[in-house]
């Protein structure tokens, strides 16, 4: 069916519109922008990856709150060797060192924008 070929690209467009990109002053080829793209591709289905908003999965911590639970610099090894912790149905995945560093750069960039009054859990 010809109309079905449009569904995956259309779905990708809709999903990408739901994810806030890094601020417009961030160059597209910077580690922060690359890290945002990695988070959007691998994590946004469950986690809130932007400086605001709720995670879609009730047990998935918003990325802007990760530094409250983990020292971000300690996550590099886990991302490269295979991240197996998180919410109960989180898939295991591994990143190349360059991708892990980019994701960490993005995570670090959004930690400062977290509202200290916001609860760290995914609650209203």
PDB file of N, CA and C in Angstrom:
ATOM      1  N   UNK A   1       0.842  -1.175   0.000  1.00  0.00           N
ATOM      2  CA  UNK A   1       0.000   0.000   0.000  1.00  0.00           C
ATOM      3  C   UNK A   1       0.892   1.245   0.000  1.00  0.00           C
ATOM      4  N   UNK A   2       0.671   2.153  -0.922  1.00  0.00           N
ATOM      5  CA  UNK A   2       1.520   3.334  -1.018  1.00  0.00           C
ATOM      6  C   UNK A   2       1.482   4.221   0.226  1.00  0.00           C
ATOM      7  N   UNK A   3       0.351   4.364   0.871  1.00  0.00           N
ATOM      8  CA  UNK A   3       0.233   5.235   2.028  1.00  0.00           C
ATOM      9  C   UNK A   3       1.027   4.756   3.230  1.00  0.00           C
ATOM     10  N   UNK A   4       1.263   3.433   3.340  1.00  0.00           N
ATOM     11  CA  UNK A   4       1.991   2.892   4.482  1.00  0.00           C
ATOM     12  C   UNK A   4       3.474   3.256   4.452  1.00  0.00           C
ATOM     13  N   UNK A   5       4.032   3.524   3.268  1.00  0.00           N
ATOM     14  CA  UNK A   5       5.439   3.904   3.190  1.00  0.00           C
ATOM     15  C   UNK A   5       5.700   5.247   3.862  1.00  0.00           C
ATOM     16  N   UNK A   6       4.684   6.068   3.978  1.00  0.00           N
ATOM     17  CA  UNK A   6       4.843   7.380   4.591  1.00  0.00           C
ATOM     18  C   UNK A   6       4.792   7.332   6.116  1.00  0.00           C
ATOM     19  N   UNK A   7       4.272   6.234   6.689  1.00  0.00           N
ATOM     20  CA  UNK A   7       4.074   6.169   8.131  1.00  0.00           C
ATOM     21  C   UNK A   7       5.389   6.285   8.902  1.00  0.00           C
ATOM     22  N   UNK A   8       6.453   5.475   8.640  1.00  0.00           N
ATOM     23  CA  UNK A   8       7.684   5.630   9.433  1.00  0.00           C
ATOM     24  C   UNK A   8       8.297   7.029   9.342  1.00  0.00           C
ATOM     25  N   UNK A   9       8.444   7.632   8.137  1.00  0.00           N
ATOM     26  CA  UNK A   9       8.999   8.988   8.125  1.00  0.00           C
ATOM     27  C   UNK A   9       8.106  10.007   8.840  1.00  0.00           C
ATOM     28  N   UNK A  10       6.806   9.854   8.692  1.00  0.00           N
ATOM     29  CA  UNK A  10       5.881  10.761   9.360  1.00  0.00           C
ATOM     30  C   UNK A  10       5.966  10.586  10.872  1.00  0.00           C
ATOM     31  N   UNK A  11       6.042   9.346  11.329  1.00  0.00           N
ATOM     32  CA  UNK A  11       6.172   9.077  12.755  1.00  0.00           C
ATOM     33  C   UNK A  11       7.466   9.679  13.297  1.00  0.00           C
ATOM     34  N   UNK A  12       8.558   9.529  12.569  1.00  0.00           N
ATOM     35  CA  UNK A  12       9.837  10.105  12.989  1.00  0.00           C
ATOM     36  C   UNK A  12       9.736  11.622  13.091  1.00  0.00           C
ATOM     37  N   UNK A  13       9.055  12.245  12.152  1.00  0.00           N
ATOM     38  CA  UNK A  13       8.889  13.696  12.176  1.00  0.00           C
ATOM     39  C   UNK A  13       8.074  14.122  13.394  1.00  0.00           C
ATOM     40  N   UNK A  14       6.998  13.415  13.671  1.00  0.00           N
ATOM     41  CA  UNK A  14       6.150  13.743  14.815  1.00  0.00           C
ATOM     42  C   UNK A  14       6.924  13.562  16.121  1.00  0.00           C
ATOM     43  N   UNK A  15       7.651  12.444  16.253  1.00  0.00           N
ATOM     44  CA  UNK A  15       8.418  12.204  17.468  1.00  0.00           C
ATOM     45  C   UNK A  15       9.523  13.239  17.646  1.00  0.00           C
ATOM     46  N   UNK A  16      10.171  13.619  16.564  1.00  0.00           N
ATOM     47  CA  UNK A  16      11.241  14.607  16.697  1.00  0.00           C
ATOM     48  C   UNK A  16      10.684  15.964  17.103  1.00  0.00           C
ATOM     49  N   UNK A  17       9.459  16.256  16.760  1.00  0.00           N
ATOM     50  CA  UNK A  17       8.848  17.524  17.154  1.00  0.00           C
ATOM     51  C   UNK A  17       8.530  17.539  18.643  1.00  0.00           C
ATOM     52  N   UNK A  18       8.414  16.356  19.254  1.00  0.00           N
ATOM     53  CA  UNK A  18       8.107  16.268  20.680  1.00  0.00           C
ATOM     54  C   UNK A  18       9.335  16.418  21.563  1.00  0.00           C
ATOM     55  N   UNK A  19      10.509  16.425  20.978  1.00  0.00           N
ATOM     56  CA  UNK A  19      11.755  16.488  21.727  1.00  0.00           C
ATOM     57  C   UNK A  19      12.374  17.857  21.514  1.00  0.00           C
ATOM     58  N   UNK A  20      12.593  18.582  22.580  1.00  0.00           N
ATOM     59  CA  UNK A  20      13.165  19.920  22.486  1.00  0.00           C
ATOM     60  C   UNK A  20      14.633  19.841  22.100  1.00  0.00           C
ATOM     61  N   UNK A  21      15.038  20.501  21.014  1.00  0.00           N
ATOM     62  CA  UNK A  21      16.448  20.485  20.628  1.00  0.00           C
ATOM     63  C   UNK A  21      17.276  21.364  21.546  1.00  0.00           C
ATOM     64  N   UNK A  22      18.606  21.207  21.498  1.00  0.00           N
ATOM     65  CA  UNK A  22      19.431  22.110  22.294  1.00  0.00           C
ATOM     66  C   UNK A  22      19.197  23.550  21.859  1.00  0.00           C
ATOM     67  N   UNK A  23      19.576  24.471  22.685  1.00  0.00           N
ATOM     68  CA  UNK A  23      19.318  25.879  22.377  1.00  0.00           C
ATOM     69  C   UNK A  23      19.985  26.283  21.067  1.00  0.00           C
ATOM     70  N   UNK A  24      19.410  27.239  20.397  1.00  0.00           N
ATOM     71  CA  UNK A  24      19.813  27.606  19.031  1.00  0.00           C
ATOM     72  C   UNK A  24      21.242  28.117  18.939  1.00  0.00           C
ATOM     73  N   UNK A  25      21.856  28.483  20.070  1.00  0.00           N
ATOM     74  CA  UNK A  25      23.236  28.937  20.032  1.00  0.00           C
ATOM     75  C   UNK A  25      24.227  27.771  20.029  1.00  0.00           C
ATOM     76  N   UNK A  26      23.728  26.538  20.187  1.00  0.00           N
ATOM     77  CA  UNK A  26      24.581  25.360  20.179  1.00  0.00           C
ATOM     78  C   UNK A  26      24.821  24.924  18.745  1.00  0.00           C
ATOM     79  N   UNK A  27      26.087  24.867  18.296  1.00  0.00           N
ATOM     80  CA  UNK A  27      26.361  24.416  16.928  1.00  0.00           C
ATOM     81  C   UNK A  27      25.886  22.973  16.733  1.00  0.00           C
ATOM     82  N   UNK A  28      25.350  22.682  15.557  1.00  0.00           N
ATOM     83  CA  UNK A  28      24.775  21.366  15.270  1.00  0.00           C
ATOM     84  C   UNK A  28      25.791  20.242  15.391  1.00  0.00           C
ATOM     85  N   UNK A  29      27.083  20.531  15.185  1.00  0.00           N
ATOM     86  CA  UNK A  29      28.086  19.477  15.257  1.00  0.00           C
ATOM     87  C   UNK A  29      28.801  19.430  16.602  1.00  0.00           C
ATOM     88  N   UNK A  30      28.329  20.172  17.592  1.00  0.00           N
ATOM     89  CA  UNK A  30      28.960  20.184  18.917  1.00  0.00           C
ATOM     90  C   UNK A  30      28.644  18.884  19.655  1.00  0.00           C
ATOM     91  N   UNK A  31      29.465  18.516  20.639  1.00  0.00           N
ATOM     92  CA  UNK A  31      29.151  17.328  21.434  1.00  0.00           C
ATOM     93  C   UNK A  31      27.784  17.417  22.111  1.00  0.00           C
ATOM     94  N   UNK A  32      27.398  18.620  22.557  1.00  0.00           N
ATOM     95  CA  UNK A  32      26.085  18.768  23.198  1.00  0.00           C
ATOM     96  C   UNK A  32      24.960  18.445  22.216  1.00  0.00           C
ATOM     97  N   UNK A  33      25.043  18.952  20.997  1.00  0.00           N
ATOM     98  CA  UNK A  33      24.011  18.667  19.992  1.00  0.00           C
ATOM     99  C   UNK A  33      24.027  17.184  19.608  1.00  0.00           C
ATOM    100  N   UNK A  34      25.204  16.619  19.480  1.00  0.00           N
ATOM    101  CA  UNK A  34      25.306  15.187  19.169  1.00  0.00           C
ATOM    102  C   UNK A  34      24.722  14.359  20.311  1.00  0.00           C
ATOM    103  N   UNK A  35      25.009  14.756  21.543  1.00  0.00           N
ATOM    104  CA  UNK A  35      24.461  14.053  22.695  1.00  0.00           C
ATOM    105  C   UNK A  35      22.948  14.157  22.766  1.00  0.00           C
ATOM    106  N   UNK A  36      22.427  15.325  22.415  1.00  0.00           N
ATOM    107  CA  UNK A  36      20.970  15.486  22.378  1.00  0.00           C
ATOM    108  C   UNK A  36      20.363  14.538  21.353  1.00  0.00           C
ATOM    109  N   UNK A  37      20.995  14.422  20.198  1.00  0.00           N
ATOM    110  CA  UNK A  37      20.495  13.521  19.152  1.00  0.00           C
ATOM    111  C   UNK A  37      20.517  12.066  19.630  1.00  0.00           C
ATOM    112  N   UNK A  38      21.554  11.681  20.351  1.00  0.00           N
ATOM    113  CA  UNK A  38      21.640  10.323  20.895  1.00  0.00           C
ATOM    114  C   UNK A  38      20.518  10.096  21.905  1.00  0.00           C
ATOM    115  N   UNK A  39      20.312  11.049  22.803  1.00  0.00           N
ATOM    116  CA  UNK A  39      19.240  10.932  23.793  1.00  0.00           C
ATOM    117  C   UNK A  39      17.876  10.861  23.119  1.00  0.00           C
ATOM    118  N   UNK A  40      17.668  11.672  22.096  1.00  0.00           N
ATOM    119  CA  UNK A  40      16.385  11.667  21.376  1.00  0.00           C
ATOM    120  C   UNK A  40      16.151  10.312  20.707  1.00  0.00           C
ATOM    121  N   UNK A  41      17.206   9.755  20.147  1.00  0.00           N
ATOM    122  CA  UNK A  41      17.087   8.489  19.409  1.00  0.00           C
ATOM    123  C   UNK A  41      16.919   7.295  20.343  1.00  0.00           C
ATOM    124  N   UNK A  42      17.667   7.273  21.456  1.00  0.00           N
ATOM    125  CA  UNK A  42      17.696   6.076  22.296  1.00  0.00           C
ATOM    126  C   UNK A  42      16.908   6.163  23.593  1.00  0.00           C
ATOM    127  N   UNK A  43      16.603   7.356  24.063  1.00  0.00           N
ATOM    128  CA  UNK A  43      16.112   7.494  25.434  1.00  0.00           C
ATOM    129  C   UNK A  43      14.761   8.195  25.573  1.00  0.00           C
ATOM    130  N   UNK A  44      14.399   9.025  24.602  1.00  0.00           N
ATOM    131  CA  UNK A  44      13.211   9.876  24.742  1.00  0.00           C
ATOM    132  C   UNK A  44      11.907   9.102  24.756  1.00  0.00           C
ATOM    133  N   UNK A  45      11.938   7.835  24.372  1.00  0.00           N
ATOM    134  CA  UNK A  45      10.711   7.050  24.424  1.00  0.00           C
ATOM    135  C   UNK A  45      10.231   6.883  25.866  1.00  0.00           C
ATOM    136  N   UNK A  46      11.174   6.919  26.809  1.00  0.00           N
ATOM    137  CA  UNK A  46      10.830   6.757  28.224  1.00  0.00           C
ATOM    138  C   UNK A  46      11.178   7.973  29.076  1.00  0.00           C
ATOM    139  N   UNK A  47      12.367   8.550  28.851  1.00  0.00           N
ATOM    140  CA  UNK A  47      12.872   9.628  29.698  1.00  0.00           C
ATOM    141  C   UNK A  47      12.541  11.003  29.137  1.00  0.00           C
ATOM    142  N   UNK A  48      12.293  11.947  30.037  1.00  0.00           N
ATOM    143  CA  UNK A  48      12.246  13.357  29.643  1.00  0.00           C
ATOM    144  C   UNK A  48      13.700  13.755  29.436  1.00  0.00           C
ATOM    145  N   UNK A  49      14.051  14.165  28.230  1.00  0.00           N
ATOM    146  CA  UNK A  49      15.442  14.483  27.939  1.00  0.00           C
ATOM    147  C   UNK A  49      15.679  15.984  27.847  1.00  0.00           C
ATOM    148  N   UNK A  50      14.645  16.760  27.981  1.00  0.00           N
ATOM    149  CA  UNK A  50      14.744  18.219  27.862  1.00  0.00           C
ATOM    150  C   UNK A  50      14.888  18.856  29.248  1.00  0.00           C
ATOM    151  N   UNK A  51      15.168  20.153  29.291  1.00  0.00           N
ATOM    152  CA  UNK A  51      15.280  20.859  30.572  1.00  0.00           C
ATOM    153  C   UNK A  51      13.962  20.963  31.338  1.00  0.00           C
ATOM    154  N   UNK A  52      12.855  20.567  30.743  1.00  0.00           N
ATOM    155  CA  UNK A  52      11.553  20.594  31.410  1.00  0.00           C
ATOM    156  C   UNK A  52      10.720  19.433  30.885  1.00  0.00           C
ATOM    157  N   UNK A  53       9.678  19.109  31.597  1.00  0.00           N
ATOM    158  CA  UNK A  53       8.748  18.079  31.143  1.00  0.00           C
ATOM    159  C   UNK A  53       8.870  16.790  31.935  1.00  0.00           C
ATOM    160  N   UNK A  54       7.846  15.961  31.797  1.00  0.00           N
ATOM    161  CA  UNK A  54       7.760  14.684  32.504  1.00  0.00           C
ATOM    162  C   UNK A  54       8.230  13.547  31.612  1.00  0.00           C
ATOM    163  N   UNK A  55       8.792  12.534  32.238  1.00  0.00           N
ATOM    164  CA  UNK A  55       9.148  11.324  31.508  1.00  0.00           C
ATOM    165  C   UNK A  55       7.879  10.577  31.130  1.00  0.00           C
ATOM    166  N   UNK A  56       7.926   9.917  29.995  1.00  0.00           N
ATOM    167  CA  UNK A  56       6.763   9.138  29.542  1.00  0.00           C
ATOM    168  C   UNK A  56       6.587   7.867  30.359  1.00  0.00           C
ATOM    169  N   UNK A  57       7.682   7.281  30.829  1.00  0.00           N
ATOM    170  CA  UNK A  57       7.643   6.064  31.633  1.00  0.00           C
ATOM    171  C   UNK A  57       7.654   6.490  33.099  1.00  0.00           C
ATOM    172  N   UNK A  58       6.762   5.962  33.918  1.00  0.00           N
ATOM    173  CA  UNK A  58       6.670   6.425  35.307  1.00  0.00           C
ATOM    174  C   UNK A  58       7.932   6.172  36.138  1.00  0.00           C
ATOM    175  N   UNK A  59       8.747   5.196  35.763  1.00  0.00           N
ATOM    176  CA  UNK A  59       9.959   4.893  36.532  1.00  0.00           C
ATOM    177  C   UNK A  59      11.224   5.470  35.904  1.00  0.00           C
ATOM    178  N   UNK A  60      11.087   6.213  34.829  1.00  0.00           N
ATOM    179  CA  UNK A  60      12.254   6.764  34.129  1.00  0.00           C
ATOM    180  C   UNK A  60      12.509   8.192  34.609  1.00  0.00           C
ATOM    181  N   UNK A  61      13.632   8.377  35.265  1.00  0.00           N
ATOM    182  CA  UNK A  61      13.953   9.699  35.804  1.00  0.00           C
ATOM    183  C   UNK A  61      14.181  10.695  34.665  1.00  0.00           C
ATOM    184  N   UNK A  62      13.690  11.911  34.802  1.00  0.00           N
ATOM    185  CA  UNK A  62      14.023  12.939  33.806  1.00  0.00           C
ATOM    186  C   UNK A  62      15.544  13.139  33.778  1.00  0.00           C
ATOM    187  N   UNK A  63      16.113  13.239  32.598  1.00  0.00           N
ATOM    188  CA  UNK A  63      17.564  13.347  32.460  1.00  0.00           C
ATOM    189  C   UNK A  63      18.144  14.555  33.181  1.00  0.00           C
ATOM    190  N   UNK A  64      17.378  15.630  33.313  1.00  0.00           N
ATOM    191  CA  UNK A  64      17.909  16.821  33.977  1.00  0.00           C
ATOM    192  C   UNK A  64      18.102  16.594  35.469  1.00  0.00           C
ATOM    193  N   UNK A  65      17.619  15.487  36.007  1.00  0.00           N
ATOM    194  CA  UNK A  65      17.735  15.166  37.434  1.00  0.00           C
ATOM    195  C   UNK A  65      18.757  14.046  37.697  1.00  0.00           C
ATOM    196  N   UNK A  66      19.412  13.524  36.670  1.00  0.00           N
ATOM    197  CA  UNK A  66      20.326  12.393  36.838  1.00  0.00           C
ATOM    198  C   UNK A  66      21.460  12.681  37.816  1.00  0.00           C
ATOM    199  N   UNK A  67      21.980  13.887  37.812  1.00  0.00           N
ATOM    200  CA  UNK A  67      23.116  14.196  38.685  1.00  0.00           C
ATOM    201  C   UNK A  67      22.747  14.142  40.162  1.00  0.00           C
ATOM    202  N   UNK A  68      21.466  14.119  40.478  1.00  0.00           N
ATOM    203  CA  UNK A  68      21.047  13.970  41.864  1.00  0.00           C
ATOM    204  C   UNK A  68      21.252  12.542  42.355  1.00  0.00           C
ATOM    205  N   UNK A  69      21.275  11.602  41.409  1.00  0.00           N
ATOM    206  CA  UNK A  69      21.412  10.194  41.771  1.00  0.00           C
ATOM    207  C   UNK A  69      22.775   9.607  41.445  1.00  0.00           C
ATOM    208  N   UNK A  70      23.415  10.129  40.411  1.00  0.00           N
ATOM    209  CA  UNK A  70      24.682   9.577  39.933  1.00  0.00           C
ATOM    210  C   UNK A  70      25.663  10.703  39.628  1.00  0.00           C
ATOM    211  N   UNK A  71      26.940  10.494  39.937  1.00  0.00           N
ATOM    212  CA  UNK A  71      27.917  11.462  39.432  1.00  0.00           C
ATOM    213  C   UNK A  71      28.027  11.237  37.917  1.00  0.00           C
ATOM    214  N   UNK A  72      27.718  12.249  37.140  1.00  0.00           N
ATOM    215  CA  UNK A  72      27.657  12.078  35.690  1.00  0.00           C
ATOM    216  C   UNK A  72      28.975  11.587  35.104  1.00  0.00           C
ATOM    217  N   UNK A  73      30.085  12.073  35.631  1.00  0.00           N
ATOM    218  CA  UNK A  73      31.376  11.643  35.092  1.00  0.00           C
ATOM    219  C   UNK A  73      31.593  10.140  35.297  1.00  0.00           C
ATOM    220  N   UNK A  74      30.908   9.547  36.250  1.00  0.00           N
ATOM    221  CA  UNK A  74      31.016   8.109  36.492  1.00  0.00           C
ATOM    222  C   UNK A  74      30.183   7.271  35.549  1.00  0.00           C
ATOM    223  N   UNK A  75      29.344   7.900  34.744  1.00  0.00           N
ATOM    224  CA  UNK A  75      28.486   7.149  33.824  1.00  0.00           C
ATOM    225  C   UNK A  75      29.182   6.752  32.529  1.00  0.00           C
ATOM    226  N   UNK A  76      30.315   7.378  32.210  1.00  0.00           N
ATOM    227  CA  UNK A  76      30.968   7.095  30.924  1.00  0.00           C
ATOM    228  C   UNK A  76      31.277   5.610  30.768  1.00  0.00           C
ATOM    229  N   UNK A  77      31.890   5.014  31.771  1.00  0.00           N
ATOM    230  CA  UNK A  77      32.254   3.604  31.688  1.00  0.00           C
ATOM    231  C   UNK A  77      31.012   2.728  31.510  1.00  0.00           C
ATOM    232  N   UNK A  78      29.956   3.022  32.250  1.00  0.00           N
ATOM    233  CA  UNK A  78      28.724   2.243  32.130  1.00  0.00           C
ATOM    234  C   UNK A  78      28.115   2.370  30.733  1.00  0.00           C
ATOM    235  N   UNK A  79      28.159   3.562  30.154  1.00  0.00           N
ATOM    236  CA  UNK A  79      27.599   3.761  28.817  1.00  0.00           C
ATOM    237  C   UNK A  79      28.393   3.013  27.757  1.00  0.00           C
ATOM    238  N   UNK A  80      29.697   2.913  27.937  1.00  0.00           N
ATOM    239  CA  UNK A  80      30.555   2.237  26.953  1.00  0.00           C
ATOM    240  C   UNK A  80      30.517   0.719  27.137  1.00  0.00           C
ATOM    241  N   UNK A  81      30.501   0.265  28.377  1.00  0.00           N
ATOM    242  CA  UNK A  81      30.527  -1.175  28.636  1.00  0.00           C
ATOM    243  C   UNK A  81      29.146  -1.805  28.547  1.00  0.00           C
ATOM    244  N   UNK A  82      28.115  -1.022  28.656  1.00  0.00           N
ATOM    245  CA  UNK A  82      26.751  -1.538  28.562  1.00  0.00           C
ATOM    246  C   UNK A  82      25.948  -1.155  29.773  1.00  0.00           C
ATOM    247  N   UNK A  83      25.024  -0.250  29.581  1.00  0.00           N
ATOM    248  CA  UNK A  83      24.173   0.224  30.669  1.00  0.00           C
ATOM    249  C   UNK A  83      23.045  -0.782  30.861  1.00  0.00           C
ATOM    250  N   UNK A  84      22.959  -1.344  32.064  1.00  0.00           N
ATOM    251  CA  UNK A  84      21.959  -2.376  32.332  1.00  0.00           C
ATOM    252  C   UNK A  84      21.051  -2.016  33.494  1.00  0.00           C
ATOM    253  N   UNK A  85      21.183  -0.814  34.030  1.00  0.00           N
ATOM    254  CA  UNK A  85      20.337  -0.422  35.152  1.00  0.00           C
ATOM    255  C   UNK A  85      19.413   0.701  34.709  1.00  0.00           C
ATOM    256  N   UNK A  86      18.456   0.966  35.509  1.00  0.00           N
ATOM    257  CA  UNK A  86      17.481   1.996  35.179  1.00  0.00           C
ATOM    258  C   UNK A  86      16.112   1.511  35.583  1.00  0.00           C
ATOM    259  N   UNK A  87      15.116   1.885  34.817  1.00  0.00           N
ATOM    260  CA  UNK A  87      13.781   1.389  35.129  1.00  0.00           C
ATOM    261  C   UNK A  87      13.692  -0.081  34.725  1.00  0.00           C
ATOM    262  N   UNK A  88      12.714  -0.790  35.250  1.00  0.00           N
ATOM    263  CA  UNK A  88      12.648  -2.250  35.137  1.00  0.00           C
ATOM    264  C   UNK A  88      12.640  -2.782  33.709  1.00  0.00           C
ATOM    265  N   UNK A  89      12.089  -2.063  32.763  1.00  0.00           N
ATOM    266  CA  UNK A  89      12.034  -2.562  31.387  1.00  0.00           C
ATOM    267  C   UNK A  89      12.961  -1.791  30.444  1.00  0.00           C
ATOM    268  N   UNK A  90      13.994  -1.166  31.015  1.00  0.00           N
ATOM    269  CA  UNK A  90      14.947  -0.424  30.201  1.00  0.00           C
ATOM    270  C   UNK A  90      15.834  -1.405  29.426  1.00  0.00           C
ATOM    271  N   UNK A  91      15.961  -1.206  28.121  1.00  0.00           N
ATOM    272  CA  UNK A  91      16.827  -2.108  27.352  1.00  0.00           C
ATOM    273  C   UNK A  91      18.295  -1.842  27.643  1.00  0.00           C
ATOM    274  N   UNK A  92      19.126  -2.873  27.506  1.00  0.00           N
ATOM    275  CA  UNK A  92      20.567  -2.699  27.643  1.00  0.00           C
ATOM    276  C   UNK A  92      21.086  -2.098  26.339  1.00  0.00           C
ATOM    277  N   UNK A  93      22.002  -1.159  26.439  1.00  0.00           N
ATOM    278  CA  UNK A  93      22.637  -0.630  25.237  1.00  0.00           C
ATOM    279  C   UNK A  93      24.044  -0.165  25.551  1.00  0.00           C
ATOM    280  N   UNK A  94      24.861  -0.134  24.506  1.00  0.00           N
ATOM    281  CA  UNK A  94      26.247   0.308  24.617  1.00  0.00           C
ATOM    282  C   UNK A  94      26.478   1.424  23.620  1.00  0.00           C
ATOM    283  N   UNK A  95      27.358   2.337  23.989  1.00  0.00           N
ATOM    284  CA  UNK A  95      27.726   3.432  23.101  1.00  0.00           C
ATOM    285  C   UNK A  95      29.232   3.388  22.853  1.00  0.00           C
ATOM    286  N   UNK A  96      29.639   3.879  21.715  1.00  0.00           N
ATOM    287  CA  UNK A  96      31.059   4.074  21.449  1.00  0.00           C
ATOM    288  C   UNK A  96      31.534   5.204  22.368  1.00  0.00           C
ATOM    289  N   UNK A  97      32.827   5.221  22.726  1.00  0.00           N
ATOM    290  CA  UNK A  97      33.321   6.260  23.645  1.00  0.00           C
ATOM    291  C   UNK A  97      32.983   7.684  23.202  1.00  0.00           C
ATOM    292  N   UNK A  98      33.091   7.988  21.920  1.00  0.00           N
ATOM    293  CA  UNK A  98      32.771   9.335  21.442  1.00  0.00           C
ATOM    294  C   UNK A  98      31.297   9.671  21.662  1.00  0.00           C
ATOM    295  N   UNK A  99      30.418   8.690  21.416  1.00  0.00           N
ATOM    296  CA  UNK A  99      28.983   8.905  21.630  1.00  0.00           C
ATOM    297  C   UNK A  99      28.671   9.044  23.114  1.00  0.00           C
ATOM    298  N   UNK A 100      29.331   8.246  23.945  1.00  0.00           N
ATOM    299  CA  UNK A 100      29.127   8.345  25.393  1.00  0.00           C
ATOM    300  C   UNK A 100      29.531   9.727  25.892  1.00  0.00           C
ATOM    301  N   UNK A 101      30.660  10.221  25.410  1.00  0.00           N
ATOM    302  CA  UNK A 101      31.115  11.555  25.814  1.00  0.00           C
ATOM    303  C   UNK A 101      30.149  12.640  25.352  1.00  0.00           C
ATOM    304  N   UNK A 102      29.603  12.476  24.144  1.00  0.00           N
ATOM    305  CA  UNK A 102      28.635  13.452  23.639  1.00  0.00           C
ATOM    306  C   UNK A 102      27.365  13.430  24.491  1.00  0.00           C
ATOM    307  N   UNK A 103      26.878  12.233  24.819  1.00  0.00           N
ATOM    308  CA  UNK A 103      25.682  12.136  25.653  1.00  0.00           C
ATOM    309  C   UNK A 103      25.938  12.766  27.020  1.00  0.00           C
ATOM    310  N   UNK A 104      27.103  12.509  27.590  1.00  0.00           N
ATOM    311  CA  UNK A 104      27.429  13.100  28.882  1.00  0.00           C
ATOM    312  C   UNK A 104      27.528  14.622  28.799  1.00  0.00           C
ATOM    313  N   UNK A 105      28.052  15.138  27.690  1.00  0.00           N
ATOM    314  CA  UNK A 105      28.107  16.594  27.505  1.00  0.00           C
ATOM    315  C   UNK A 105      26.693  17.167  27.484  1.00  0.00           C
ATOM    316  N   UNK A 106      25.779  16.487  26.803  1.00  0.00           N
ATOM    317  CA  UNK A 106      24.395  16.960  26.773  1.00  0.00           C
ATOM    318  C   UNK A 106      23.770  16.883  28.170  1.00  0.00           C
ATOM    319  N   UNK A 107      23.961  15.755  28.844  1.00  0.00           N
ATOM    320  CA  UNK A 107      23.390  15.607  30.186  1.00  0.00           C
ATOM    321  C   UNK A 107      23.898  16.706  31.112  1.00  0.00           C
ATOM    322  N   UNK A 108      25.197  16.965  31.043  1.00  0.00           N
ATOM    323  CA  UNK A 108      25.776  18.020  31.893  1.00  0.00           C
ATOM    324  C   UNK A 108      25.157  19.384  31.559  1.00  0.00           C
ATOM    325  N   UNK A 109      24.879  19.608  30.289  1.00  0.00           N
ATOM    326  CA  UNK A 109      24.343  20.912  29.872  1.00  0.00           C
ATOM    327  C   UNK A 109      22.936  21.177  30.388  1.00  0.00           C
ATOM    328  N   UNK A 110      22.189  20.131  30.689  1.00  0.00           N
ATOM    329  CA  UNK A 110      20.817  20.353  31.154  1.00  0.00           C
ATOM    330  C   UNK A 110      20.677  20.237  32.664  1.00  0.00           C
ATOM    331  N   UNK A 111      21.704  19.780  33.375  1.00  0.00           N
ATOM    332  CA  UNK A 111      21.599  19.656  34.827  1.00  0.00           C
ATOM    333  C   UNK A 111      21.420  21.004  35.505  1.00  0.00           C
ATOM    334  N   UNK A 112      22.122  22.007  35.068  1.00  0.00           N
ATOM    335  CA  UNK A 112      22.051  23.330  35.695  1.00  0.00           C
ATOM    336  C   UNK A 112      20.686  23.974  35.528  1.00  0.00           C
ATOM    337  N   UNK A 113      19.927  23.533  34.526  1.00  0.00           N
ATOM    338  CA  UNK A 113      18.634  24.156  34.280  1.00  0.00           C
ATOM    339  C   UNK A 113      17.508  23.511  35.084  1.00  0.00           C
ATOM    340  N   UNK A 114      17.840  22.492  35.876  1.00  0.00           N
ATOM    341  CA  UNK A 114      16.809  21.830  36.667  1.00  0.00           C
ATOM    342  C   UNK A 114      16.314  22.758  37.776  1.00  0.00           C
ATOM    343  N   UNK A 115      15.037  22.745  37.995  1.00  0.00           N
ATOM    344  CA  UNK A 115      14.425  23.539  39.048  1.00  0.00           C
ATOM    345  C   UNK A 115      14.615  22.813  40.380  1.00  0.00           C
ATOM    346  N   UNK A 116      15.329  23.400  41.346  1.00  0.00           N
ATOM    347  CA  UNK A 116      15.577  22.714  42.608  1.00  0.00           C
ATOM    348  C   UNK A 116      14.300  22.379  43.368  1.00  0.00           C
ATOM    349  N   UNK A 117      13.218  23.078  43.090  1.00  0.00           N
ATOM    350  CA  UNK A 117      11.954  22.802  43.773  1.00  0.00           C
ATOM    351  C   UNK A 117      11.225  21.623  43.153  1.00  0.00           C
ATOM    352  N   UNK A 118      11.649  21.208  41.971  1.00  0.00           N
ATOM    353  CA  UNK A 118      10.989  20.099  41.285  1.00  0.00           C
ATOM    354  C   UNK A 118      11.360  18.783  41.958  1.00  0.00           C
ATOM    355  N   UNK A 119      10.393  17.892  42.208  1.00  0.00           N
ATOM    356  CA  UNK A 119      10.739  16.607  42.797  1.00  0.00           C
ATOM    357  C   UNK A 119      11.581  15.803  41.813  1.00  0.00           C
ATOM    358  N   UNK A 120      12.522  14.981  42.341  1.00  0.00           N
ATOM    359  CA  UNK A 120      13.390  14.222  41.443  1.00  0.00           C
ATOM    360  C   UNK A 120      12.684  13.054  40.809  1.00  0.00           C
ATOM    361  N   UNK A 121      11.655  12.579  41.413  1.00  0.00           N
ATOM    362  CA  UNK A 121      10.890  11.491  40.807  1.00  0.00           C
ATOM    363  C   UNK A 121       9.948  12.050  39.747  1.00  0.00           C
ATOM    364  N   UNK A 122       9.402  11.178  38.986  1.00  0.00           N
ATOM    365  CA  UNK A 122       8.523  11.549  37.890  1.00  0.00           C
ATOM    366  C   UNK A 122       7.096  11.722  38.412  1.00  0.00           C
ATOM    367  N   UNK A 123       6.916  12.674  39.320  1.00  0.00           N
ATOM    368  CA  UNK A 123       5.603  12.905  39.917  1.00  0.00           C
ATOM    369  C   UNK A 123       5.158  14.329  39.640  1.00  0.00           C
ATOM    370  N   UNK A 124       3.855  14.591  39.716  1.00  0.00           N
ATOM    371  CA  UNK A 124       3.364  15.956  39.440  1.00  0.00           C
ATOM    372  C   UNK A 124       3.859  16.966  40.441  1.00  0.00           C
TER     373      UNK A 124
END
